[in-house]
């Protein structure tokens, strides 16, 4: 196989691997953001039965975004969520909400 063809094939494989790594990194970042909720909302957003803290897994996307933004701007009172939510950007809130909305109960 001529050197130019091998080089072109190597470049294509490297580009494909790079795109896969970027997707994996984005998914890992989103999962890490969602993991910050585990201290109160349980592993993978699943609280134990009877908990006063709501389970996040399977929560509707728009509802979670609305509630997180209400915590963030102080219009929804809370014990600690209003403080925690202030630490997230709107994009991070969208990512966390998307993660939990897509996760099956």
PDB file of N, CA and C in Angstrom:
ATOM      1  N   UNK A   1       0.855  -1.169   0.000  1.00  0.00           N
ATOM      2  CA  UNK A   1       0.000   0.000   0.000  1.00  0.00           C
ATOM      3  C   UNK A   1       0.904   1.237   0.000  1.00  0.00           C
ATOM      4  N   UNK A   2       0.629   2.180  -0.901  1.00  0.00           N
ATOM      5  CA  UNK A   2       1.457   3.378  -0.971  1.00  0.00           C
ATOM      6  C   UNK A   2       1.407   4.171   0.348  1.00  0.00           C
ATOM      7  N   UNK A   3       2.486   4.869   0.615  1.00  0.00           N
ATOM      8  CA  UNK A   3       2.641   5.620   1.851  1.00  0.00           C
ATOM      9  C   UNK A   3       1.548   6.681   2.016  1.00  0.00           C
ATOM     10  N   UNK A   4       1.163   7.360   0.949  1.00  0.00           N
ATOM     11  CA  UNK A   4       0.128   8.402   1.032  1.00  0.00           C
ATOM     12  C   UNK A   4      -1.202   7.813   1.482  1.00  0.00           C
ATOM     13  N   UNK A   5      -1.537   6.650   0.971  1.00  0.00           N
ATOM     14  CA  UNK A   5      -2.808   6.013   1.343  1.00  0.00           C
ATOM     15  C   UNK A   5      -2.769   5.589   2.814  1.00  0.00           C
ATOM     16  N   UNK A   6      -1.640   5.031   3.254  1.00  0.00           N
ATOM     17  CA  UNK A   6      -1.511   4.648   4.663  1.00  0.00           C
ATOM     18  C   UNK A   6      -1.613   5.867   5.579  1.00  0.00           C
ATOM     19  N   UNK A   7      -0.984   6.949   5.169  1.00  0.00           N
ATOM     20  CA  UNK A   7      -1.023   8.177   5.958  1.00  0.00           C
ATOM     21  C   UNK A   7      -2.451   8.720   6.044  1.00  0.00           C
ATOM     22  N   UNK A   8      -3.155   8.730   4.916  1.00  0.00           N
ATOM     23  CA  UNK A   8      -4.542   9.213   4.888  1.00  0.00           C
ATOM     24  C   UNK A   8      -5.433   8.328   5.764  1.00  0.00           C
ATOM     25  N   UNK A   9      -5.233   7.018   5.700  1.00  0.00           N
ATOM     26  CA  UNK A   9      -6.016   6.092   6.520  1.00  0.00           C
ATOM     27  C   UNK A   9      -5.734   6.319   8.002  1.00  0.00           C
ATOM     28  N   UNK A  10      -4.480   6.549   8.331  1.00  0.00           N
ATOM     29  CA  UNK A  10      -4.117   6.815   9.728  1.00  0.00           C
ATOM     30  C   UNK A  10      -4.756   8.108  10.217  1.00  0.00           C
ATOM     31  N   UNK A  11      -4.775   9.129   9.371  1.00  0.00           N
ATOM     32  CA  UNK A  11      -5.418  10.392   9.749  1.00  0.00           C
ATOM     33  C   UNK A  11      -6.914  10.215   9.974  1.00  0.00           C
ATOM     34  N   UNK A  12      -7.571   9.450   9.116  1.00  0.00           N
ATOM     35  CA  UNK A  12      -9.005   9.200   9.283  1.00  0.00           C
ATOM     36  C   UNK A  12      -9.293   8.444  10.574  1.00  0.00           C
ATOM     37  N   UNK A  13      -8.477   7.446  10.876  1.00  0.00           N
ATOM     38  CA  UNK A  13      -8.669   6.681  12.114  1.00  0.00           C
ATOM     39  C   UNK A  13      -8.423   7.560  13.333  1.00  0.00           C
ATOM     40  N   UNK A  14      -7.425   8.415  13.259  1.00  0.00           N
ATOM     41  CA  UNK A  14      -7.135   9.320  14.380  1.00  0.00           C
ATOM     42  C   UNK A  14      -8.286  10.305  14.585  1.00  0.00           C
ATOM     43  N   UNK A  15      -8.859  10.817  13.505  1.00  0.00           N
ATOM     44  CA  UNK A  15      -9.983  11.746  13.610  1.00  0.00           C
ATOM     45  C   UNK A  15     -11.195  11.060  14.223  1.00  0.00           C
ATOM     46  N   UNK A  16     -11.459   9.826  13.815  1.00  0.00           N
ATOM     47  CA  UNK A  16     -12.586   9.081  14.376  1.00  0.00           C
ATOM     48  C   UNK A  16     -12.365   8.801  15.859  1.00  0.00           C
ATOM     49  N   UNK A  17     -11.163   8.436  16.229  1.00  0.00           N
ATOM     50  CA  UNK A  17     -10.851   8.166  17.632  1.00  0.00           C
ATOM     51  C   UNK A  17     -10.973   9.438  18.455  1.00  0.00           C
ATOM     52  N   UNK A  18     -10.549  10.549  17.896  1.00  0.00           N
ATOM     53  CA  UNK A  18     -10.633  11.829  18.598  1.00  0.00           C
ATOM     54  C   UNK A  18     -12.080  12.216  18.858  1.00  0.00           C
ATOM     55  N   UNK A  19     -12.951  12.008  17.880  1.00  0.00           N
ATOM     56  CA  UNK A  19     -14.373  12.320  18.051  1.00  0.00           C
ATOM     57  C   UNK A  19     -14.992  11.433  19.124  1.00  0.00           C
ATOM     58  N   UNK A  20     -14.619  10.159  19.143  1.00  0.00           N
ATOM     59  CA  UNK A  20     -15.126   9.236  20.156  1.00  0.00           C
ATOM     60  C   UNK A  20     -14.650   9.644  21.537  1.00  0.00           C
ATOM     61  N   UNK A  21     -13.384  10.010  21.654  1.00  0.00           N
ATOM     62  CA  UNK A  21     -12.848  10.449  22.945  1.00  0.00           C
ATOM     63  C   UNK A  21     -13.544  11.717  23.430  1.00  0.00           C
ATOM     64  N   UNK A  22     -13.857  12.630  22.521  1.00  0.00           N
ATOM     65  CA  UNK A  22     -14.542  13.865  22.899  1.00  0.00           C
ATOM     66  C   UNK A  22     -15.941  13.561  23.416  1.00  0.00           C
ATOM     67  N   UNK A  23     -16.637  12.626  22.766  1.00  0.00           N
ATOM     68  CA  UNK A  23     -17.966  12.231  23.228  1.00  0.00           C
ATOM     69  C   UNK A  23     -17.870  11.558  24.596  1.00  0.00           C
ATOM     70  N   UNK A  24     -16.887  10.691  24.773  1.00  0.00           N
ATOM     71  CA  UNK A  24     -16.691  10.015  26.049  1.00  0.00           C
ATOM     72  C   UNK A  24     -16.371  11.017  27.150  1.00  0.00           C
ATOM     73  N   UNK A  25     -15.553  12.011  26.843  1.00  0.00           N
ATOM     74  CA  UNK A  25     -15.199  13.025  27.835  1.00  0.00           C
ATOM     75  C   UNK A  25     -16.414  13.851  28.224  1.00  0.00           C
ATOM     76  N   UNK A  26     -17.247  14.199  27.261  1.00  0.00           N
ATOM     77  CA  UNK A  26     -18.457  14.977  27.552  1.00  0.00           C
ATOM     78  C   UNK A  26     -19.423  14.160  28.408  1.00  0.00           C
ATOM     79  N   UNK A  27     -19.578  12.884  28.093  1.00  0.00           N
ATOM     80  CA  UNK A  27     -20.458  12.020  28.877  1.00  0.00           C
ATOM     81  C   UNK A  27     -19.919  11.843  30.294  1.00  0.00           C
ATOM     82  N   UNK A  28     -18.622  11.695  30.427  1.00  0.00           N
ATOM     83  CA  UNK A  28     -18.005  11.554  31.748  1.00  0.00           C
ATOM     84  C   UNK A  28     -18.182  12.831  32.568  1.00  0.00           C
ATOM     85  N   UNK A  29     -18.024  13.973  31.934  1.00  0.00           N
ATOM     86  CA  UNK A  29     -18.205  15.253  32.613  1.00  0.00           C
ATOM     87  C   UNK A  29     -19.648  15.389  33.123  1.00  0.00           C
ATOM     88  N   UNK A  30     -20.614  15.056  32.280  1.00  0.00           N
ATOM     89  CA  UNK A  30     -22.020  15.135  32.679  1.00  0.00           C
ATOM     90  C   UNK A  30     -22.311  14.176  33.821  1.00  0.00           C
ATOM     91  N   UNK A  31     -21.784  12.977  33.738  1.00  0.00           N
ATOM     92  CA  UNK A  31     -21.992  11.999  34.819  1.00  0.00           C
ATOM     93  C   UNK A  31     -21.350  12.486  36.124  1.00  0.00           C
ATOM     94  N   UNK A  32     -20.193  13.123  36.026  1.00  0.00           N
ATOM     95  CA  UNK A  32     -19.531  13.659  37.217  1.00  0.00           C
ATOM     96  C   UNK A  32     -20.352  14.792  37.836  1.00  0.00           C
ATOM     97  N   UNK A  33     -20.938  15.642  37.000  1.00  0.00           N
ATOM     98  CA  UNK A  33     -21.813  16.688  37.518  1.00  0.00           C
ATOM     99  C   UNK A  33     -23.002  16.084  38.252  1.00  0.00           C
ATOM    100  N   UNK A  34     -23.613  15.081  37.646  1.00  0.00           N
ATOM    101  CA  UNK A  34     -24.772  14.426  38.254  1.00  0.00           C
ATOM    102  C   UNK A  34     -24.382  13.717  39.554  1.00  0.00           C
ATOM    103  N   UNK A  35     -23.166  13.231  39.631  1.00  0.00           N
ATOM    104  CA  UNK A  35     -22.709  12.531  40.838  1.00  0.00           C
ATOM    105  C   UNK A  35     -22.628  13.461  42.036  1.00  0.00           C
ATOM    106  N   UNK A  36     -22.525  14.766  41.801  1.00  0.00           N
ATOM    107  CA  UNK A  36     -22.474  15.697  42.932  1.00  0.00           C
ATOM    108  C   UNK A  36     -23.787  15.717  43.698  1.00  0.00           C
ATOM    109  N   UNK A  37     -24.839  15.192  43.123  1.00  0.00           N
ATOM    110  CA  UNK A  37     -26.154  15.163  43.769  1.00  0.00           C
ATOM    111  C   UNK A  37     -26.316  13.947  44.694  1.00  0.00           C
ATOM    112  N   UNK A  38     -25.398  12.994  44.606  1.00  0.00           N
ATOM    113  CA  UNK A  38     -25.538  11.721  45.313  1.00  0.00           C
ATOM    114  C   UNK A  38     -25.539  11.849  46.828  1.00  0.00           C
ATOM    115  N   UNK A  39     -24.837  12.819  47.385  1.00  0.00           N
ATOM    116  CA  UNK A  39     -24.784  12.940  48.839  1.00  0.00           C
ATOM    117  C   UNK A  39     -26.172  13.040  49.454  1.00  0.00           C
ATOM    118  N   UNK A  40     -27.060  13.754  48.793  1.00  0.00           N
ATOM    119  CA  UNK A  40     -28.416  13.923  49.328  1.00  0.00           C
ATOM    120  C   UNK A  40     -29.455  13.085  48.595  1.00  0.00           C
ATOM    121  N   UNK A  41     -29.299  12.962  47.286  1.00  0.00           N
ATOM    122  CA  UNK A  41     -30.324  12.319  46.461  1.00  0.00           C
ATOM    123  C   UNK A  41     -30.016  10.865  46.130  1.00  0.00           C
ATOM    124  N   UNK A  42     -28.953  10.309  46.695  1.00  0.00           N
ATOM    125  CA  UNK A  42     -28.628   8.902  46.508  1.00  0.00           C
ATOM    126  C   UNK A  42     -27.837   8.623  45.250  1.00  0.00           C
ATOM    127  N   UNK A  43     -27.242   7.450  45.223  1.00  0.00           N
ATOM    128  CA  UNK A  43     -26.466   7.012  44.060  1.00  0.00           C
ATOM    129  C   UNK A  43     -27.349   7.032  42.827  1.00  0.00           C
ATOM    130  N   UNK A  44     -26.843   7.627  41.766  1.00  0.00           N
ATOM    131  CA  UNK A  44     -27.578   7.779  40.505  1.00  0.00           C
ATOM    132  C   UNK A  44     -28.914   8.481  40.683  1.00  0.00           C
ATOM    133  N   UNK A  45     -29.047   9.305  41.745  1.00  0.00           N
ATOM    134  CA  UNK A  45     -30.266  10.075  41.954  1.00  0.00           C
ATOM    135  C   UNK A  45     -31.424   9.271  42.515  1.00  0.00           C
ATOM    136  N   UNK A  46     -31.125   8.105  43.064  1.00  0.00           N
ATOM    137  CA  UNK A  46     -32.162   7.225  43.599  1.00  0.00           C
ATOM    138  C   UNK A  46     -32.148   7.273  45.127  1.00  0.00           C
ATOM    139  N   UNK A  47     -33.123   7.947  45.706  1.00  0.00           N
ATOM    140  CA  UNK A  47     -33.221   7.986  47.159  1.00  0.00           C
ATOM    141  C   UNK A  47     -33.902   6.707  47.653  1.00  0.00           C
ATOM    142  N   UNK A  48     -33.765   6.451  48.931  1.00  0.00           N
ATOM    143  CA  UNK A  48     -34.421   5.273  49.509  1.00  0.00           C
ATOM    144  C   UNK A  48     -35.904   5.562  49.683  1.00  0.00           C
ATOM    145  N   UNK A  49     -36.708   4.519  49.672  1.00  0.00           N
ATOM    146  CA  UNK A  49     -38.146   4.666  49.857  1.00  0.00           C
ATOM    147  C   UNK A  49     -38.446   5.369  51.177  1.00  0.00           C
ATOM    148  N   UNK A  50     -39.375   6.298  51.146  1.00  0.00           N
ATOM    149  CA  UNK A  50     -39.774   7.026  52.338  1.00  0.00           C
ATOM    150  C   UNK A  50     -38.924   8.242  52.651  1.00  0.00           C
ATOM    151  N   UNK A  51     -37.939   8.529  51.829  1.00  0.00           N
ATOM    152  CA  UNK A  51     -37.065   9.676  52.067  1.00  0.00           C
ATOM    153  C   UNK A  51     -37.820  10.983  51.821  1.00  0.00           C
ATOM    154  N   UNK A  52     -37.508  11.987  52.616  1.00  0.00           N
ATOM    155  CA  UNK A  52     -38.097  13.318  52.413  1.00  0.00           C
ATOM    156  C   UNK A  52     -37.449  14.021  51.219  1.00  0.00           C
ATOM    157  N   UNK A  53     -36.288  13.545  50.809  1.00  0.00           N
ATOM    158  CA  UNK A  53     -35.560  14.122  49.677  1.00  0.00           C
ATOM    159  C   UNK A  53     -36.014  13.407  48.409  1.00  0.00           C
ATOM    160  N   UNK A  54     -36.400  14.141  47.385  1.00  0.00           N
ATOM    161  CA  UNK A  54     -36.919  13.489  46.183  1.00  0.00           C
ATOM    162  C   UNK A  54     -35.848  12.751  45.382  1.00  0.00           C
ATOM    163  N   UNK A  55     -36.278  11.699  44.746  1.00  0.00           N
ATOM    164  CA  UNK A  55     -35.430  10.974  43.808  1.00  0.00           C
ATOM    165  C   UNK A  55     -35.334  11.807  42.532  1.00  0.00           C
ATOM    166  N   UNK A  56     -34.168  11.860  41.925  1.00  0.00           N
ATOM    167  CA  UNK A  56     -33.975  12.664  40.713  1.00  0.00           C
ATOM    168  C   UNK A  56     -34.103  11.843  39.439  1.00  0.00           C
ATOM    169  N   UNK A  57     -33.851  10.556  39.537  1.00  0.00           N
ATOM    170  CA  UNK A  57     -33.854   9.701  38.359  1.00  0.00           C
ATOM    171  C   UNK A  57     -35.243   9.702  37.706  1.00  0.00           C
ATOM    172  N   UNK A  58     -35.260   9.956  36.408  1.00  0.00           N
ATOM    173  CA  UNK A  58     -36.509   9.980  35.663  1.00  0.00           C
ATOM    174  C   UNK A  58     -37.326  11.248  35.840  1.00  0.00           C
ATOM    175  N   UNK A  59     -36.802  12.219  36.568  1.00  0.00           N
ATOM    176  CA  UNK A  59     -37.533  13.480  36.762  1.00  0.00           C
ATOM    177  C   UNK A  59     -37.651  14.195  35.416  1.00  0.00           C
ATOM    178  N   UNK A  60     -38.831  14.745  35.110  1.00  0.00           N
ATOM    179  CA  UNK A  60     -38.991  15.443  33.826  1.00  0.00           C
ATOM    180  C   UNK A  60     -37.979  16.585  33.658  1.00  0.00           C
ATOM    181  N   UNK A  61     -37.409  16.672  32.494  1.00  0.00           N
ATOM    182  CA  UNK A  61     -36.359  17.639  32.185  1.00  0.00           C
ATOM    183  C   UNK A  61     -36.766  19.069  32.515  1.00  0.00           C
ATOM    184  N   UNK A  62     -37.873  19.532  31.975  1.00  0.00           N
ATOM    185  CA  UNK A  62     -38.264  20.925  32.165  1.00  0.00           C
ATOM    186  C   UNK A  62     -38.574  21.228  33.627  1.00  0.00           C
ATOM    187  N   UNK A  63     -39.153  20.266  34.349  1.00  0.00           N
ATOM    188  CA  UNK A  63     -39.457  20.464  35.759  1.00  0.00           C
ATOM    189  C   UNK A  63     -38.167  20.654  36.557  1.00  0.00           C
ATOM    190  N   UNK A  64     -37.177  19.795  36.303  1.00  0.00           N
ATOM    191  CA  UNK A  64     -35.929  19.883  37.056  1.00  0.00           C
ATOM    192  C   UNK A  64     -35.196  21.185  36.757  1.00  0.00           C
ATOM    193  N   UNK A  65     -35.171  21.585  35.511  1.00  0.00           N
ATOM    194  CA  UNK A  65     -34.515  22.846  35.146  1.00  0.00           C
ATOM    195  C   UNK A  65     -35.206  24.014  35.845  1.00  0.00           C
ATOM    196  N   UNK A  66     -36.531  24.024  35.810  1.00  0.00           N
ATOM    197  CA  UNK A  66     -37.289  25.096  36.459  1.00  0.00           C
ATOM    198  C   UNK A  66     -37.001  25.152  37.954  1.00  0.00           C
ATOM    199  N   UNK A  67     -36.988  23.987  38.611  1.00  0.00           N
ATOM    200  CA  UNK A  67     -36.752  23.950  40.053  1.00  0.00           C
ATOM    201  C   UNK A  67     -35.325  24.370  40.400  1.00  0.00           C
ATOM    202  N   UNK A  68     -34.353  23.891  39.632  1.00  0.00           N
ATOM    203  CA  UNK A  68     -32.956  24.257  39.900  1.00  0.00           C
ATOM    204  C   UNK A  68     -32.733  25.762  39.731  1.00  0.00           C
ATOM    205  N   UNK A  69     -33.344  26.336  38.710  1.00  0.00           N
ATOM    206  CA  UNK A  69     -33.196  27.779  38.494  1.00  0.00           C
ATOM    207  C   UNK A  69     -33.921  28.569  39.581  1.00  0.00           C
ATOM    208  N   UNK A  70     -35.029  28.026  40.089  1.00  0.00           N
ATOM    209  CA  UNK A  70     -35.740  28.684  41.191  1.00  0.00           C
ATOM    210  C   UNK A  70     -34.905  28.634  42.467  1.00  0.00           C
ATOM    211  N   UNK A  71     -34.229  27.503  42.706  1.00  0.00           N
ATOM    212  CA  UNK A  71     -33.305  27.439  43.848  1.00  0.00           C
ATOM    213  C   UNK A  71     -32.189  28.462  43.663  1.00  0.00           C
ATOM    214  N   UNK A  72     -31.669  28.520  42.442  1.00  0.00           N
ATOM    215  CA  UNK A  72     -30.524  29.389  42.150  1.00  0.00           C
ATOM    216  C   UNK A  72     -30.856  30.868  42.348  1.00  0.00           C
ATOM    217  N   UNK A  73     -32.041  31.283  41.898  1.00  0.00           N
ATOM    218  CA  UNK A  73     -32.383  32.703  42.024  1.00  0.00           C
ATOM    219  C   UNK A  73     -33.069  33.036  43.349  1.00  0.00           C
ATOM    220  N   UNK A  74     -33.275  32.012  44.184  1.00  0.00           N
ATOM    221  CA  UNK A  74     -33.829  32.233  45.512  1.00  0.00           C
ATOM    222  C   UNK A  74     -35.344  32.265  45.577  1.00  0.00           C
ATOM    223  N   UNK A  75     -36.030  32.059  44.453  1.00  0.00           N
ATOM    224  CA  UNK A  75     -37.493  32.097  44.477  1.00  0.00           C
ATOM    225  C   UNK A  75     -38.108  30.824  45.063  1.00  0.00           C
ATOM    226  N   UNK A  76     -37.337  29.767  45.169  1.00  0.00           N
ATOM    227  CA  UNK A  76     -37.803  28.556  45.859  1.00  0.00           C
ATOM    228  C   UNK A  76     -36.930  28.382  47.102  1.00  0.00           C
ATOM    229  N   UNK A  77     -37.529  28.472  48.275  1.00  0.00           N
ATOM    230  CA  UNK A  77     -36.742  28.330  49.501  1.00  0.00           C
ATOM    231  C   UNK A  77     -36.284  26.887  49.700  1.00  0.00           C
ATOM    232  N   UNK A  78     -35.172  26.748  50.399  1.00  0.00           N
ATOM    233  CA  UNK A  78     -34.628  25.418  50.665  1.00  0.00           C
ATOM    234  C   UNK A  78     -33.662  25.493  51.834  1.00  0.00           C
ATOM    235  N   UNK A  79     -33.273  24.327  52.309  1.00  0.00           N
ATOM    236  CA  UNK A  79     -32.292  24.306  53.393  1.00  0.00           C
ATOM    237  C   UNK A  79     -30.883  24.485  52.843  1.00  0.00           C
ATOM    238  N   UNK A  80     -30.528  23.734  51.812  1.00  0.00           N
ATOM    239  CA  UNK A  80     -29.192  23.871  51.222  1.00  0.00           C
ATOM    240  C   UNK A  80     -29.203  24.008  49.700  1.00  0.00           C
ATOM    241  N   UNK A  81     -30.289  23.595  49.030  1.00  0.00           N
ATOM    242  CA  UNK A  81     -30.294  23.603  47.564  1.00  0.00           C
ATOM    243  C   UNK A  81     -30.105  25.007  46.984  1.00  0.00           C
ATOM    244  N   UNK A  82     -30.616  26.016  47.633  1.00  0.00           N
ATOM    245  CA  UNK A  82     -30.441  27.372  47.104  1.00  0.00           C
ATOM    246  C   UNK A  82     -28.964  27.770  47.108  1.00  0.00           C
ATOM    247  N   UNK A  83     -28.199  27.243  48.052  1.00  0.00           N
ATOM    248  CA  UNK A  83     -26.762  27.527  48.082  1.00  0.00           C
ATOM    249  C   UNK A  83     -26.015  26.702  47.036  1.00  0.00           C
ATOM    250  N   UNK A  84     -26.382  25.434  46.924  1.00  0.00           N
ATOM    251  CA  UNK A  84     -25.710  24.553  45.960  1.00  0.00           C
ATOM    252  C   UNK A  84     -25.992  24.977  44.526  1.00  0.00           C
ATOM    253  N   UNK A  85     -27.243  25.313  44.236  1.00  0.00           N
ATOM    254  CA  UNK A  85     -27.631  25.654  42.867  1.00  0.00           C
ATOM    255  C   UNK A  85     -26.896  26.892  42.352  1.00  0.00           C
ATOM    256  N   UNK A  86     -26.535  27.797  43.238  1.00  0.00           N
ATOM    257  CA  UNK A  86     -25.809  28.998  42.817  1.00  0.00           C
ATOM    258  C   UNK A  86     -24.440  28.667  42.233  1.00  0.00           C
ATOM    259  N   UNK A  87     -23.925  27.496  42.552  1.00  0.00           N
ATOM    260  CA  UNK A  87     -22.614  27.085  42.051  1.00  0.00           C
ATOM    261  C   UNK A  87     -22.628  26.511  40.648  1.00  0.00           C
ATOM    262  N   UNK A  88     -23.816  26.333  40.077  1.00  0.00           N
ATOM    263  CA  UNK A  88     -23.919  25.754  38.741  1.00  0.00           C
ATOM    264  C   UNK A  88     -24.267  26.815  37.708  1.00  0.00           C
ATOM    265  N   UNK A  89     -23.684  26.683  36.532  1.00  0.00           N
ATOM    266  CA  UNK A  89     -24.078  27.535  35.409  1.00  0.00           C
ATOM    267  C   UNK A  89     -25.391  26.994  34.852  1.00  0.00           C
ATOM    268  N   UNK A  90     -26.074  27.787  34.047  1.00  0.00           N
ATOM    269  CA  UNK A  90     -27.311  27.306  33.420  1.00  0.00           C
ATOM    270  C   UNK A  90     -27.031  26.093  32.535  1.00  0.00           C
ATOM    271  N   UNK A  91     -25.882  26.087  31.875  1.00  0.00           N
ATOM    272  CA  UNK A  91     -25.520  24.949  31.022  1.00  0.00           C
ATOM    273  C   UNK A  91     -25.319  23.688  31.867  1.00  0.00           C
ATOM    274  N   UNK A  92     -24.693  23.828  33.026  1.00  0.00           N
ATOM    275  CA  UNK A  92     -24.497  22.675  33.902  1.00  0.00           C
ATOM    276  C   UNK A  92     -25.841  22.172  34.440  1.00  0.00           C
ATOM    277  N   UNK A  93     -26.729  23.091  34.778  1.00  0.00           N
ATOM    278  CA  UNK A  93     -28.065  22.686  35.227  1.00  0.00           C
ATOM    279  C   UNK A  93     -28.777  21.918  34.119  1.00  0.00           C
ATOM    280  N   UNK A  94     -28.693  22.393  32.894  1.00  0.00           N
ATOM    281  CA  UNK A  94     -29.302  21.695  31.755  1.00  0.00           C
ATOM    282  C   UNK A  94     -28.710  20.292  31.591  1.00  0.00           C
ATOM    283  N   UNK A  95     -27.403  20.180  31.742  1.00  0.00           N
ATOM    284  CA  UNK A  95     -26.734  18.877  31.604  1.00  0.00           C
ATOM    285  C   UNK A  95     -27.175  17.904  32.694  1.00  0.00           C
ATOM    286  N   UNK A  96     -27.216  18.384  33.935  1.00  0.00           N
ATOM    287  CA  UNK A  96     -27.631  17.534  35.048  1.00  0.00           C
ATOM    288  C   UNK A  96     -29.079  17.090  34.854  1.00  0.00           C
ATOM    289  N   UNK A  97     -29.949  18.028  34.498  1.00  0.00           N
ATOM    290  CA  UNK A  97     -31.359  17.701  34.288  1.00  0.00           C
ATOM    291  C   UNK A  97     -31.531  16.710  33.139  1.00  0.00           C
ATOM    292  N   UNK A  98     -30.778  16.895  32.080  1.00  0.00           N
ATOM    293  CA  UNK A  98     -30.849  15.968  30.941  1.00  0.00           C
ATOM    294  C   UNK A  98     -30.396  14.574  31.344  1.00  0.00           C
ATOM    295  N   UNK A  99     -29.343  14.499  32.151  1.00  0.00           N
ATOM    296  CA  UNK A  99     -28.822  13.212  32.604  1.00  0.00           C
ATOM    297  C   UNK A  99     -29.900  12.462  33.400  1.00  0.00           C
ATOM    298  N   UNK A 100     -30.488  13.129  34.382  1.00  0.00           N
ATOM    299  CA  UNK A 100     -31.473  12.453  35.216  1.00  0.00           C
ATOM    300  C   UNK A 100     -32.765  12.160  34.465  1.00  0.00           C
ATOM    301  N   UNK A 101     -33.174  13.038  33.565  1.00  0.00           N
ATOM    302  CA  UNK A 101     -34.382  12.789  32.776  1.00  0.00           C
ATOM    303  C   UNK A 101     -34.216  11.570  31.874  1.00  0.00           C
ATOM    304  N   UNK A 102     -32.996  11.351  31.390  1.00  0.00           N
ATOM    305  CA  UNK A 102     -32.733  10.226  30.480  1.00  0.00           C
ATOM    306  C   UNK A 102     -32.461   8.909  31.219  1.00  0.00           C
ATOM    307  N   UNK A 103     -32.233   8.979  32.522  1.00  0.00           N
ATOM    308  CA  UNK A 103     -31.928   7.782  33.284  1.00  0.00           C
ATOM    309  C   UNK A 103     -33.226   7.101  33.700  1.00  0.00           C
ATOM    310  N   UNK A 104     -33.296   5.806  33.458  1.00  0.00           N
ATOM    311  CA  UNK A 104     -34.512   5.041  33.775  1.00  0.00           C
ATOM    312  C   UNK A 104     -34.625   4.811  35.266  1.00  0.00           C
ATOM    313  N   UNK A 105     -35.844   4.830  35.760  1.00  0.00           N
ATOM    314  CA  UNK A 105     -36.101   4.570  37.185  1.00  0.00           C
ATOM    315  C   UNK A 105     -35.764   3.178  37.489  1.00  0.00           C
TER     316      UNK A 105
END
